[in-house]
Amino acid sequence: MGTFLGWSITRPSNFAKFAVLAVASVALIIADARHRHVAIAVDGAMARIAYPLQVLAAWPATTVEGVWHDMRTNTRLRHENDRLTRDNRLLQAAVTRLGALSAEVQRLRKILKAPPLPGYRETLAGILGVSSGPFTRELTLDEGRPQHVYVGQPVIDAHGIVGQIIKVGPDTSRVMLVTDPNSGVPVVSQRNGLRAIVFGTGSLRRLKVPYLPMTADIRAGDILVSSGLGGVFPAGYPVAKVERVISDPNEAFLTVTARPLAQLNHHTDVVLLWPLSRTARTHHG
């Protein structure tokens, strides 16, 4: 019991409260059943009004998450691009190396398929180094005294005479190239048998054929092969191709230049030759 503005007020009993709530619930159920479309329309309108507010409220979190995702994606793509660039460089190097190895295999096949020189034993020797100066052209080979390499031994490739051994050590040996100014190879012309001597000039691409008289029958394109004189080089093996012949009336001899036929700039291996008679003496000695 209480008072309000002088009036006495009695609080409702629990039963009265229950009755009122029950009647209200039934009324709401009936109203919802009869006017459901109105409720749905009201709900849709409220949702449309609330959607921009929901988007606005979620914008900071969505923006931060998007930026973080983009940063992680960019970092991953950058790392992937670096990896692919590195792999591409490695593949390019491998392809280059494969091309070089393929060319070397073809060159070795030419050497190995070349018919053996009668009266000689052959073996491949690897090139360890190349030395050149104003007056020298030399190779260092991985064959030495234990392999019975000897001074004056001929060295060839699949195309022509490379040079001769000038020094032998315990594990290596040195080759003087035919282009060395101190080198001289007795030759004959395949075309007509003209005899001459080919000397080095210091250039890997040029040899000279001096002391030929003005009446000598020699012309550009002639192939000069070893004559076998002197007993160093096998007879009949290619040495040079004549490139130029100059006849000057003021000179006593022709000026003849030639190009070496051995591939002096492309070596990783060369062929050492042993005369079989010397091999037999070495093995029995």
Foldseek 3Di string as FASTA:
>chain_A
DDDDPRDDDDDDDPVVVVVVVVVVVVVVVVCCVVPVVVVVVVVVVVCVVCVVVVCVVCVVVVVVVVVVVVVVVVVVVVVVVVVVVVVVVVVVVVVVVVVLVVVVVVQVCLQVPPDDDPQKDKDKWFWDDWDADQAFTKTKTQAAVVVVFDFLWWWAGSWFTFATWHAGDPGITMGTGQQGQVHKFWWAWPVPRHTFIWGHDRDLFKIWTDDAFPPDPDDFQTWIFGCCPPVRDDGPTTFWGWHDWDDDPVDGHITTMTTGGGPNPSDRMIMTIDRVVVVVVVVVD
